[in-house]
Amino acid sequence: MISNSLVYVMGPSGVGKDAVLAAARAQLDGRGEVIFAHRYITRAAEAGGENHIWLAESEFAQRRRLGLWALEWESHAYLYGVGVEIDAWLTAGATVVLNGSRAALASVAARYPTLHPVLIEASPEVLRQRLQRRGRETPAEIEERLQRNAALPALAHPRLQRIENNGELEDAVQQFLAALNTASAA
């Protein structure tokens, strides 16, 4: 089945996006027409978190000048880019999964009309616990993240799907795979 849908996954830091995506990717194991895109980030790979490609800011700017970004945004003092290769994948009929930014949703939706946004959510208490376990931020930075998350406006998109990730990872993974099936069938 030809799909060419972009599944754009969003959620606050610590909600478990990377864990859900990694588990879904492992379960799919290259079956079907689903491709998980990587991001280029100006954050060192050793900083933890997702498997991304590190670029210096000068390299990021060079790729911008050459028109090599399909999408780009800034978040938490880092630059994030997604290469134009996702356009080729979509043209080939793939369903492309991308870990994105809530703040960039409107611009992504404007560029990709077949967008299927997925918001992964968890309660503030669960987010706080996960951020503390991750150990990358001070208690004050964690509280700042939680306050910033609470202050964000509600997301709106006609195909927005929400996944609750307060419990077992496998429950969230199954919800995500169901959302992926919906996008692939569109």
N, C-alpha and C. Protein backbone atom coordinates (compact mmCIF):
# COMPACT_ATOMS: atom_id res chain seq x y z
N MET A 1 0.85 -1.19 0.00
CA MET A 1 0.00 0.00 0.00
C MET A 1 0.89 1.24 0.00
N ILE A 2 0.58 2.18 -0.86
CA ILE A 2 1.30 3.45 -0.92
C ILE A 2 0.73 4.37 0.15
N SER A 3 1.58 4.93 0.97
CA SER A 3 1.11 5.76 2.07
C SER A 3 1.57 7.20 1.91
N ASN A 4 2.82 7.44 1.95
CA ASN A 4 3.49 8.74 1.96
C ASN A 4 2.97 9.68 3.05
N SER A 5 2.89 9.17 4.27
CA SER A 5 2.46 9.96 5.42
C SER A 5 3.64 10.21 6.34
N LEU A 6 3.67 11.42 6.88
CA LEU A 6 4.66 11.77 7.89
C LEU A 6 3.99 11.65 9.25
N VAL A 7 4.51 10.76 10.09
CA VAL A 7 4.02 10.59 11.46
C VAL A 7 4.97 11.40 12.34
N TYR A 8 4.43 12.48 12.87
CA TYR A 8 5.23 13.48 13.58
C TYR A 8 4.97 13.34 15.08
N VAL A 9 5.94 12.78 15.80
CA VAL A 9 5.78 12.45 17.21
C VAL A 9 6.30 13.60 18.08
N MET A 10 5.47 14.01 19.03
CA MET A 10 5.83 15.14 19.89
C MET A 10 5.54 14.76 21.34
N GLY A 11 6.05 15.58 22.23
CA GLY A 11 5.79 15.42 23.66
C GLY A 11 6.91 16.06 24.45
N PRO A 12 6.65 16.33 25.71
CA PRO A 12 7.66 16.99 26.54
C PRO A 12 8.86 16.10 26.81
N SER A 13 9.96 16.72 27.13
CA SER A 13 11.16 16.00 27.52
C SER A 13 10.84 15.10 28.71
N GLY A 14 11.26 13.85 28.62
CA GLY A 14 11.03 12.90 29.70
C GLY A 14 9.76 12.08 29.55
N VAL A 15 8.96 12.36 28.53
CA VAL A 15 7.69 11.64 28.38
C VAL A 15 7.89 10.22 27.85
N GLY A 16 9.05 9.95 27.28
CA GLY A 16 9.33 8.60 26.80
C GLY A 16 9.24 8.44 25.29
N LYS A 17 9.34 9.54 24.55
CA LYS A 17 9.26 9.46 23.08
C LYS A 17 10.33 8.51 22.52
N ASP A 18 11.56 8.71 22.95
CA ASP A 18 12.65 7.88 22.43
C ASP A 18 12.43 6.40 22.76
N ALA A 19 11.96 6.12 23.96
CA ALA A 19 11.72 4.73 24.35
C ALA A 19 10.59 4.11 23.52
N VAL A 20 9.52 4.86 23.33
CA VAL A 20 8.39 4.36 22.52
C VAL A 20 8.84 4.12 21.09
N LEU A 21 9.55 5.08 20.51
CA LEU A 21 9.99 4.94 19.13
C LEU A 21 10.98 3.79 18.97
N ALA A 22 11.91 3.65 19.89
CA ALA A 22 12.89 2.55 19.80
C ALA A 22 12.20 1.20 19.90
N ALA A 23 11.24 1.07 20.81
CA ALA A 23 10.53 -0.21 20.95
C ALA A 23 9.67 -0.50 19.73
N ALA A 24 9.01 0.51 19.19
CA ALA A 24 8.19 0.31 17.99
C ALA A 24 9.07 -0.08 16.81
N ARG A 25 10.19 0.59 16.69
CA ARG A 25 11.13 0.29 15.60
C ARG A 25 11.62 -1.15 15.70
N ALA A 26 11.93 -1.59 16.91
CA ALA A 26 12.40 -2.96 17.11
C ALA A 26 11.30 -3.96 16.77
N GLN A 27 10.07 -3.66 17.13
CA GLN A 27 8.97 -4.58 16.82
C GLN A 27 8.71 -4.66 15.32
N LEU A 28 8.83 -3.53 14.63
CA LEU A 28 8.61 -3.53 13.18
C LEU A 28 9.78 -4.18 12.44
N ASP A 29 10.99 -4.00 12.95
CA ASP A 29 12.19 -4.66 12.44
C ASP A 29 12.30 -4.63 10.91
N GLY A 30 12.05 -3.46 10.32
CA GLY A 30 12.21 -3.32 8.88
C GLY A 30 11.05 -3.85 8.05
N ARG A 31 10.01 -4.34 8.70
CA ARG A 31 8.84 -4.84 7.95
C ARG A 31 7.96 -3.67 7.54
N GLY A 32 7.31 -3.82 6.42
CA GLY A 32 6.41 -2.78 5.95
C GLY A 32 7.15 -1.64 5.31
N GLU A 33 6.49 -0.53 5.15
CA GLU A 33 7.05 0.63 4.46
C GLU A 33 7.28 1.79 5.43
N VAL A 34 7.65 1.46 6.67
CA VAL A 34 7.85 2.48 7.70
C VAL A 34 9.34 2.75 7.86
N ILE A 35 9.70 4.03 7.79
CA ILE A 35 11.10 4.44 7.98
C ILE A 35 11.16 5.42 9.14
N PHE A 36 12.06 5.17 10.08
CA PHE A 36 12.27 6.06 11.22
C PHE A 36 13.41 7.02 10.87
N ALA A 37 13.08 8.30 10.77
CA ALA A 37 14.07 9.31 10.40
C ALA A 37 14.93 9.67 11.61
N HIS A 38 16.16 10.05 11.34
CA HIS A 38 17.04 10.55 12.39
C HIS A 38 17.07 12.07 12.31
N ARG A 39 17.54 12.65 13.39
CA ARG A 39 17.67 14.11 13.45
C ARG A 39 19.14 14.46 13.58
N TYR A 40 19.48 15.62 13.06
CA TYR A 40 20.79 16.22 13.24
C TYR A 40 20.63 17.28 14.32
N ILE A 41 21.46 17.22 15.35
CA ILE A 41 21.31 18.12 16.49
C ILE A 41 22.68 18.68 16.87
N THR A 42 22.71 19.93 17.28
CA THR A 42 23.97 20.55 17.72
C THR A 42 24.23 20.22 19.20
N ARG A 43 23.87 19.03 19.61
CA ARG A 43 24.12 18.52 20.97
C ARG A 43 24.98 17.27 20.81
N ALA A 44 26.05 17.19 21.56
CA ALA A 44 26.96 16.06 21.46
C ALA A 44 26.23 14.74 21.69
N ALA A 45 26.59 13.74 20.93
CA ALA A 45 25.95 12.43 21.03
C ALA A 45 26.14 11.83 22.43
N GLU A 46 27.24 12.17 23.08
CA GLU A 46 27.51 11.63 24.42
C GLU A 46 26.60 12.21 25.48
N ALA A 47 25.81 13.23 25.13
CA ALA A 47 24.93 13.89 26.10
C ALA A 47 23.77 13.00 26.52
N GLY A 48 23.59 11.88 25.88
CA GLY A 48 22.52 10.96 26.26
C GLY A 48 21.26 11.23 25.47
N GLY A 49 20.30 10.35 25.66
CA GLY A 49 19.03 10.51 24.95
C GLY A 49 19.05 9.77 23.63
N GLU A 50 18.39 10.34 22.64
CA GLU A 50 18.20 9.67 21.37
C GLU A 50 19.49 9.47 20.59
N ASN A 51 19.45 8.53 19.69
CA ASN A 51 20.53 8.29 18.75
C ASN A 51 20.38 9.31 17.63
N HIS A 52 21.20 10.35 17.66
CA HIS A 52 21.11 11.41 16.66
C HIS A 52 22.48 11.63 16.05
N ILE A 53 22.52 12.47 15.04
CA ILE A 53 23.78 12.82 14.40
C ILE A 53 24.16 14.22 14.88
N TRP A 54 25.33 14.30 15.52
CA TRP A 54 25.81 15.57 16.03
C TRP A 54 26.43 16.39 14.92
N LEU A 55 26.09 17.67 14.90
CA LEU A 55 26.72 18.63 13.99
C LEU A 55 27.14 19.85 14.79
N ALA A 56 28.28 20.41 14.42
CA ALA A 56 28.66 21.72 14.96
C ALA A 56 27.71 22.75 14.36
N GLU A 57 27.56 23.88 15.04
CA GLU A 57 26.66 24.92 14.53
C GLU A 57 27.08 25.39 13.14
N SER A 58 28.38 25.43 12.87
CA SER A 58 28.86 25.84 11.55
C SER A 58 28.42 24.84 10.48
N GLU A 59 28.46 23.54 10.80
CA GLU A 59 28.00 22.52 9.85
C GLU A 59 26.49 22.61 9.63
N PHE A 60 25.77 22.89 10.72
CA PHE A 60 24.32 23.05 10.62
C PHE A 60 24.00 24.21 9.67
N ALA A 61 24.69 25.33 9.85
CA ALA A 61 24.48 26.51 9.00
C ALA A 61 24.85 26.21 7.55
N GLN A 62 25.91 25.46 7.35
CA GLN A 62 26.31 25.08 5.99
C GLN A 62 25.20 24.30 5.30
N ARG A 63 24.61 23.34 5.99
CA ARG A 63 23.52 22.55 5.40
C ARG A 63 22.30 23.42 5.14
N ARG A 64 22.08 24.40 5.99
CA ARG A 64 20.98 25.35 5.75
C ARG A 64 21.22 26.11 4.45
N ARG A 65 22.44 26.63 4.29
CA ARG A 65 22.79 27.38 3.07
C ARG A 65 22.61 26.54 1.82
N LEU A 66 22.90 25.26 1.92
CA LEU A 66 22.80 24.35 0.77
C LEU A 66 21.38 23.81 0.55
N GLY A 67 20.44 24.22 1.41
CA GLY A 67 19.06 23.77 1.25
C GLY A 67 18.85 22.30 1.57
N LEU A 68 19.61 21.77 2.51
CA LEU A 68 19.55 20.34 2.83
C LEU A 68 18.60 19.99 3.97
N TRP A 69 17.93 20.98 4.53
CA TRP A 69 16.97 20.70 5.61
C TRP A 69 15.55 20.67 5.05
N ALA A 70 14.84 19.59 5.33
CA ALA A 70 13.39 19.57 5.06
C ALA A 70 12.70 20.32 6.18
N LEU A 71 13.22 20.15 7.39
CA LEU A 71 12.67 20.80 8.58
C LEU A 71 13.82 21.21 9.48
N GLU A 72 13.63 22.31 10.21
CA GLU A 72 14.61 22.70 11.22
C GLU A 72 13.92 23.56 12.26
N TRP A 73 14.44 23.49 13.49
CA TRP A 73 13.92 24.30 14.58
C TRP A 73 14.96 24.40 15.67
N GLU A 74 14.71 25.28 16.61
CA GLU A 74 15.59 25.45 17.76
C GLU A 74 14.80 25.12 19.01
N SER A 75 15.43 24.42 19.93
CA SER A 75 14.79 24.08 21.20
C SER A 75 15.86 23.89 22.26
N HIS A 76 15.65 24.50 23.40
CA HIS A 76 16.56 24.35 24.55
C HIS A 76 18.01 24.64 24.19
N ALA A 77 18.22 25.68 23.37
CA ALA A 77 19.53 26.18 22.97
C ALA A 77 20.25 25.26 21.98
N TYR A 78 19.55 24.31 21.38
CA TYR A 78 20.14 23.44 20.36
C TYR A 78 19.38 23.62 19.05
N LEU A 79 20.09 23.38 17.95
CA LEU A 79 19.46 23.39 16.63
C LEU A 79 19.16 21.96 16.22
N TYR A 80 17.99 21.75 15.66
CA TYR A 80 17.54 20.44 15.20
C TYR A 80 17.24 20.53 13.71
N GLY A 81 17.68 19.54 12.96
CA GLY A 81 17.40 19.50 11.53
C GLY A 81 17.01 18.11 11.10
N VAL A 82 16.18 18.06 10.06
CA VAL A 82 15.78 16.80 9.44
C VAL A 82 16.10 16.96 7.96
N GLY A 83 16.87 16.04 7.42
CA GLY A 83 17.34 16.16 6.05
C GLY A 83 16.25 15.97 5.00
N VAL A 84 16.53 16.50 3.82
CA VAL A 84 15.59 16.42 2.70
C VAL A 84 15.37 14.99 2.22
N GLU A 85 16.15 14.05 2.74
CA GLU A 85 15.94 12.65 2.35
C GLU A 85 14.53 12.17 2.71
N ILE A 86 13.90 12.80 3.73
CA ILE A 86 12.55 12.35 4.07
C ILE A 86 11.57 12.63 2.94
N ASP A 87 11.84 13.65 2.14
CA ASP A 87 10.97 13.93 0.99
C ASP A 87 11.05 12.80 -0.04
N ALA A 88 12.25 12.28 -0.27
CA ALA A 88 12.41 11.15 -1.19
C ALA A 88 11.71 9.92 -0.64
N TRP A 89 11.81 9.69 0.66
CA TRP A 89 11.14 8.53 1.26
C TRP A 89 9.63 8.62 1.13
N LEU A 90 9.10 9.82 1.38
CA LEU A 90 7.66 10.03 1.24
C LEU A 90 7.22 9.85 -0.21
N THR A 91 7.99 10.38 -1.15
CA THR A 91 7.67 10.23 -2.57
C THR A 91 7.66 8.76 -2.99
N ALA A 92 8.53 7.96 -2.36
CA ALA A 92 8.59 6.53 -2.67
C ALA A 92 7.44 5.75 -2.05
N GLY A 93 6.60 6.43 -1.25
CA GLY A 93 5.44 5.77 -0.66
C GLY A 93 5.62 5.30 0.76
N ALA A 94 6.71 5.69 1.40
CA ALA A 94 6.96 5.26 2.78
C ALA A 94 6.14 6.08 3.76
N THR A 95 5.89 5.48 4.91
CA THR A 95 5.41 6.20 6.08
C THR A 95 6.66 6.55 6.88
N VAL A 96 6.89 7.84 7.09
CA VAL A 96 8.10 8.31 7.77
C VAL A 96 7.73 8.74 9.19
N VAL A 97 8.46 8.22 10.16
CA VAL A 97 8.26 8.56 11.56
C VAL A 97 9.36 9.51 11.99
N LEU A 98 8.96 10.60 12.62
CA LEU A 98 9.91 11.63 13.02
C LEU A 98 9.60 12.13 14.41
N ASN A 99 10.62 12.20 15.26
CA ASN A 99 10.53 12.77 16.59
C ASN A 99 10.68 14.28 16.41
N GLY A 100 9.59 15.02 16.61
CA GLY A 100 9.58 16.45 16.31
C GLY A 100 9.36 17.34 17.51
N SER A 101 9.08 18.58 17.23
CA SER A 101 8.86 19.61 18.24
C SER A 101 7.43 20.11 18.18
N ARG A 102 6.82 20.25 19.34
CA ARG A 102 5.46 20.79 19.39
C ARG A 102 5.43 22.21 18.82
N ALA A 103 6.46 22.99 19.09
CA ALA A 103 6.49 24.38 18.63
C ALA A 103 6.54 24.48 17.11
N ALA A 104 7.02 23.45 16.44
CA ALA A 104 7.15 23.48 14.98
C ALA A 104 5.94 22.85 14.26
N LEU A 105 4.95 22.39 15.01
CA LEU A 105 3.83 21.67 14.40
C LEU A 105 3.18 22.44 13.25
N ALA A 106 2.89 23.71 13.43
CA ALA A 106 2.20 24.48 12.39
C ALA A 106 3.00 24.54 11.09
N SER A 107 4.31 24.78 11.19
CA SER A 107 5.12 24.86 9.97
C SER A 107 5.27 23.49 9.32
N VAL A 108 5.36 22.43 10.12
CA VAL A 108 5.46 21.08 9.57
C VAL A 108 4.16 20.71 8.86
N ALA A 109 3.03 21.05 9.48
CA ALA A 109 1.73 20.76 8.86
C ALA A 109 1.55 21.52 7.56
N ALA A 110 2.08 22.72 7.48
CA ALA A 110 1.98 23.50 6.24
C ALA A 110 2.79 22.86 5.12
N ARG A 111 3.94 22.30 5.45
CA ARG A 111 4.80 21.68 4.43
C ARG A 111 4.33 20.29 4.05
N TYR A 112 3.73 19.54 5.00
CA TYR A 112 3.34 18.15 4.77
C TYR A 112 1.84 17.98 5.04
N PRO A 113 1.02 18.14 4.01
CA PRO A 113 -0.43 18.06 4.21
C PRO A 113 -0.92 16.67 4.63
N THR A 114 -0.12 15.62 4.42
CA THR A 114 -0.52 14.28 4.85
C THR A 114 -0.04 13.97 6.27
N LEU A 115 0.32 15.00 7.00
CA LEU A 115 0.86 14.86 8.35
C LEU A 115 -0.11 14.14 9.28
N HIS A 116 0.46 13.25 10.09
CA HIS A 116 -0.29 12.57 11.16
C HIS A 116 0.45 12.83 12.47
N PRO A 117 0.06 13.89 13.19
CA PRO A 117 0.76 14.20 14.44
C PRO A 117 0.32 13.26 15.58
N VAL A 118 1.30 12.88 16.38
CA VAL A 118 1.07 12.03 17.55
C VAL A 118 1.69 12.74 18.75
N LEU A 119 0.88 12.95 19.79
CA LEU A 119 1.36 13.59 21.01
C LEU A 119 1.43 12.55 22.11
N ILE A 120 2.64 12.33 22.63
CA ILE A 120 2.83 11.42 23.76
C ILE A 120 2.80 12.27 25.02
N GLU A 121 1.96 11.87 25.96
CA GLU A 121 1.75 12.65 27.19
C GLU A 121 1.96 11.79 28.42
N ALA A 122 2.24 12.44 29.53
CA ALA A 122 2.32 11.81 30.84
C ALA A 122 2.00 12.87 31.88
N SER A 123 1.61 12.44 33.04
CA SER A 123 1.28 13.39 34.11
C SER A 123 2.54 14.12 34.56
N PRO A 124 2.38 15.32 35.16
CA PRO A 124 3.56 16.06 35.65
C PRO A 124 4.38 15.25 36.66
N GLU A 125 3.71 14.45 37.49
CA GLU A 125 4.44 13.64 38.48
C GLU A 125 5.33 12.61 37.79
N VAL A 126 4.79 11.94 36.77
CA VAL A 126 5.56 10.94 36.04
C VAL A 126 6.71 11.61 35.30
N LEU A 127 6.45 12.75 34.67
CA LEU A 127 7.52 13.48 33.99
C LEU A 127 8.63 13.86 34.95
N ARG A 128 8.28 14.38 36.12
CA ARG A 128 9.27 14.78 37.12
C ARG A 128 10.15 13.57 37.49
N GLN A 129 9.52 12.44 37.77
CA GLN A 129 10.27 11.23 38.16
C GLN A 129 11.23 10.79 37.05
N ARG A 130 10.75 10.80 35.82
CA ARG A 130 11.59 10.37 34.70
C ARG A 130 12.76 11.32 34.48
N LEU A 131 12.50 12.62 34.57
CA LEU A 131 13.57 13.60 34.40
C LEU A 131 14.61 13.47 35.52
N GLN A 132 14.16 13.21 36.74
CA GLN A 132 15.09 13.02 37.86
C GLN A 132 15.95 11.78 37.62
N ARG A 133 15.33 10.68 37.17
CA ARG A 133 16.10 9.45 36.90
C ARG A 133 17.11 9.64 35.78
N ARG A 134 16.74 10.45 34.79
CA ARG A 134 17.62 10.69 33.65
C ARG A 134 18.90 11.38 34.09
N GLY A 135 18.80 12.28 35.08
CA GLY A 135 19.97 12.89 35.68
C GLY A 135 20.72 13.91 34.83
N ARG A 136 20.10 14.46 33.81
CA ARG A 136 20.79 15.44 32.97
C ARG A 136 20.57 16.87 33.44
N GLU A 137 19.60 17.08 34.34
CA GLU A 137 19.24 18.44 34.74
C GLU A 137 19.18 18.56 36.25
N THR A 138 19.36 19.78 36.72
CA THR A 138 19.24 20.06 38.15
C THR A 138 17.76 20.05 38.52
N PRO A 139 17.45 19.94 39.81
CA PRO A 139 16.04 20.03 40.22
C PRO A 139 15.37 21.32 39.75
N ALA A 140 16.08 22.43 39.79
CA ALA A 140 15.49 23.70 39.33
C ALA A 140 15.21 23.66 37.83
N GLU A 141 16.11 23.07 37.04
CA GLU A 141 15.89 22.96 35.59
C GLU A 141 14.71 22.04 35.29
N ILE A 142 14.55 21.00 36.08
CA ILE A 142 13.42 20.10 35.90
C ILE A 142 12.11 20.84 36.16
N GLU A 143 12.07 21.59 37.24
CA GLU A 143 10.84 22.35 37.54
C GLU A 143 10.54 23.38 36.46
N GLU A 144 11.60 23.99 35.92
CA GLU A 144 11.42 24.95 34.83
C GLU A 144 10.83 24.26 33.60
N ARG A 145 11.32 23.07 33.29
CA ARG A 145 10.78 22.30 32.15
C ARG A 145 9.29 21.99 32.38
N LEU A 146 8.96 21.56 33.58
CA LEU A 146 7.57 21.21 33.88
C LEU A 146 6.66 22.43 33.79
N GLN A 147 7.12 23.56 34.28
CA GLN A 147 6.33 24.80 34.18
C GLN A 147 6.16 25.24 32.73
N ARG A 148 7.24 25.13 31.96
CA ARG A 148 7.18 25.50 30.53
C ARG A 148 6.20 24.59 29.80
N ASN A 149 6.22 23.31 30.12
CA ASN A 149 5.31 22.36 29.49
C ASN A 149 3.86 22.68 29.82
N ALA A 150 3.59 23.01 31.08
CA ALA A 150 2.23 23.33 31.50
C ALA A 150 1.71 24.61 30.85
N ALA A 151 2.62 25.52 30.50
CA ALA A 151 2.21 26.81 29.92
C ALA A 151 2.00 26.76 28.41
N LEU A 152 2.38 25.66 27.77
CA LEU A 152 2.23 25.57 26.32
C LEU A 152 0.75 25.53 25.93
N PRO A 153 0.40 26.18 24.83
CA PRO A 153 -0.99 26.12 24.37
C PRO A 153 -1.33 24.70 23.90
N ALA A 154 -2.60 24.38 23.96
CA ALA A 154 -3.06 23.06 23.52
C ALA A 154 -2.80 22.91 22.03
N LEU A 155 -2.41 21.73 21.62
CA LEU A 155 -2.16 21.47 20.20
C LEU A 155 -3.48 21.19 19.50
N ALA A 156 -3.56 21.64 18.26
CA ALA A 156 -4.75 21.40 17.46
C ALA A 156 -4.35 20.96 16.06
N HIS A 157 -4.89 19.86 15.64
CA HIS A 157 -4.72 19.35 14.28
C HIS A 157 -5.82 18.32 14.08
N PRO A 158 -6.44 18.29 12.92
CA PRO A 158 -7.58 17.37 12.72
C PRO A 158 -7.22 15.89 12.87
N ARG A 159 -5.96 15.52 12.66
CA ARG A 159 -5.57 14.10 12.77
C ARG A 159 -4.72 13.82 14.02
N LEU A 160 -4.65 14.77 14.95
CA LEU A 160 -3.84 14.58 16.15
C LEU A 160 -4.30 13.37 16.95
N GLN A 161 -3.37 12.48 17.25
CA GLN A 161 -3.64 11.33 18.10
C GLN A 161 -2.81 11.48 19.37
N ARG A 162 -3.43 11.16 20.50
CA ARG A 162 -2.78 11.28 21.80
C ARG A 162 -2.49 9.90 22.38
N ILE A 163 -1.31 9.77 22.97
CA ILE A 163 -0.90 8.52 23.61
C ILE A 163 -0.55 8.84 25.05
N GLU A 164 -1.18 8.14 25.95
CA GLU A 164 -0.91 8.30 27.38
C GLU A 164 0.22 7.35 27.77
N ASN A 165 1.31 7.90 28.32
CA ASN A 165 2.47 7.09 28.68
C ASN A 165 2.78 7.25 30.17
N ASN A 166 1.78 6.96 31.01
CA ASN A 166 1.97 7.01 32.46
C ASN A 166 2.31 5.65 33.05
N GLY A 167 2.09 4.59 32.29
CA GLY A 167 2.25 3.24 32.85
C GLY A 167 3.36 2.47 32.17
N GLU A 168 3.03 1.26 31.79
CA GLU A 168 4.00 0.36 31.16
C GLU A 168 4.35 0.84 29.75
N LEU A 169 5.61 0.75 29.42
CA LEU A 169 6.07 1.16 28.10
C LEU A 169 5.32 0.42 27.00
N GLU A 170 5.11 -0.87 27.18
CA GLU A 170 4.46 -1.68 26.14
C GLU A 170 3.06 -1.16 25.81
N ASP A 171 2.35 -0.63 26.80
CA ASP A 171 1.02 -0.06 26.52
C ASP A 171 1.13 1.13 25.57
N ALA A 172 2.09 2.02 25.83
CA ALA A 172 2.29 3.17 24.96
C ALA A 172 2.77 2.74 23.58
N VAL A 173 3.61 1.73 23.51
CA VAL A 173 4.10 1.23 22.22
C VAL A 173 2.94 0.69 21.40
N GLN A 174 2.05 -0.06 22.02
CA GLN A 174 0.90 -0.60 21.28
C GLN A 174 -0.01 0.52 20.79
N GLN A 175 -0.20 1.56 21.60
CA GLN A 175 -0.98 2.72 21.15
C GLN A 175 -0.30 3.40 19.97
N PHE A 176 1.03 3.51 20.03
CA PHE A 176 1.75 4.13 18.92
C PHE A 176 1.65 3.29 17.66
N LEU A 177 1.80 1.98 17.76
CA LEU A 177 1.69 1.12 16.59
C LEU A 177 0.29 1.22 15.97
N ALA A 178 -0.74 1.37 16.80
CA ALA A 178 -2.09 1.55 16.28
C ALA A 178 -2.18 2.88 15.53
N ALA A 179 -1.57 3.94 16.06
CA ALA A 179 -1.56 5.23 15.39
C ALA A 179 -0.81 5.14 14.07
N LEU A 180 0.26 4.39 14.07
CA LEU A 180 1.06 4.19 12.86
C LEU A 180 0.25 3.46 11.80
N ASN A 181 -0.51 2.46 12.22
CA ASN A 181 -1.39 1.75 11.28
C ASN A 181 -2.43 2.67 10.67
N THR A 182 -2.98 3.56 11.49
CA THR A 182 -3.96 4.53 10.99
C THR A 182 -3.32 5.43 9.94
N ALA A 183 -2.12 5.92 10.21
CA ALA A 183 -1.42 6.79 9.25
C ALA A 183 -1.07 6.05 7.97
N SER A 184 -0.62 4.80 8.11
CA SER A 184 -0.22 4.02 6.94
C SER A 184 -1.41 3.67 6.06
N ALA A 185 -2.58 3.56 6.66
CA ALA A 185 -3.78 3.20 5.89
C ALA A 185 -4.40 4.41 5.20
N ALA A 186 -3.97 5.61 5.58
CA ALA A 186 -4.57 6.83 5.02
C ALA A 186 -4.20 7.06 3.57
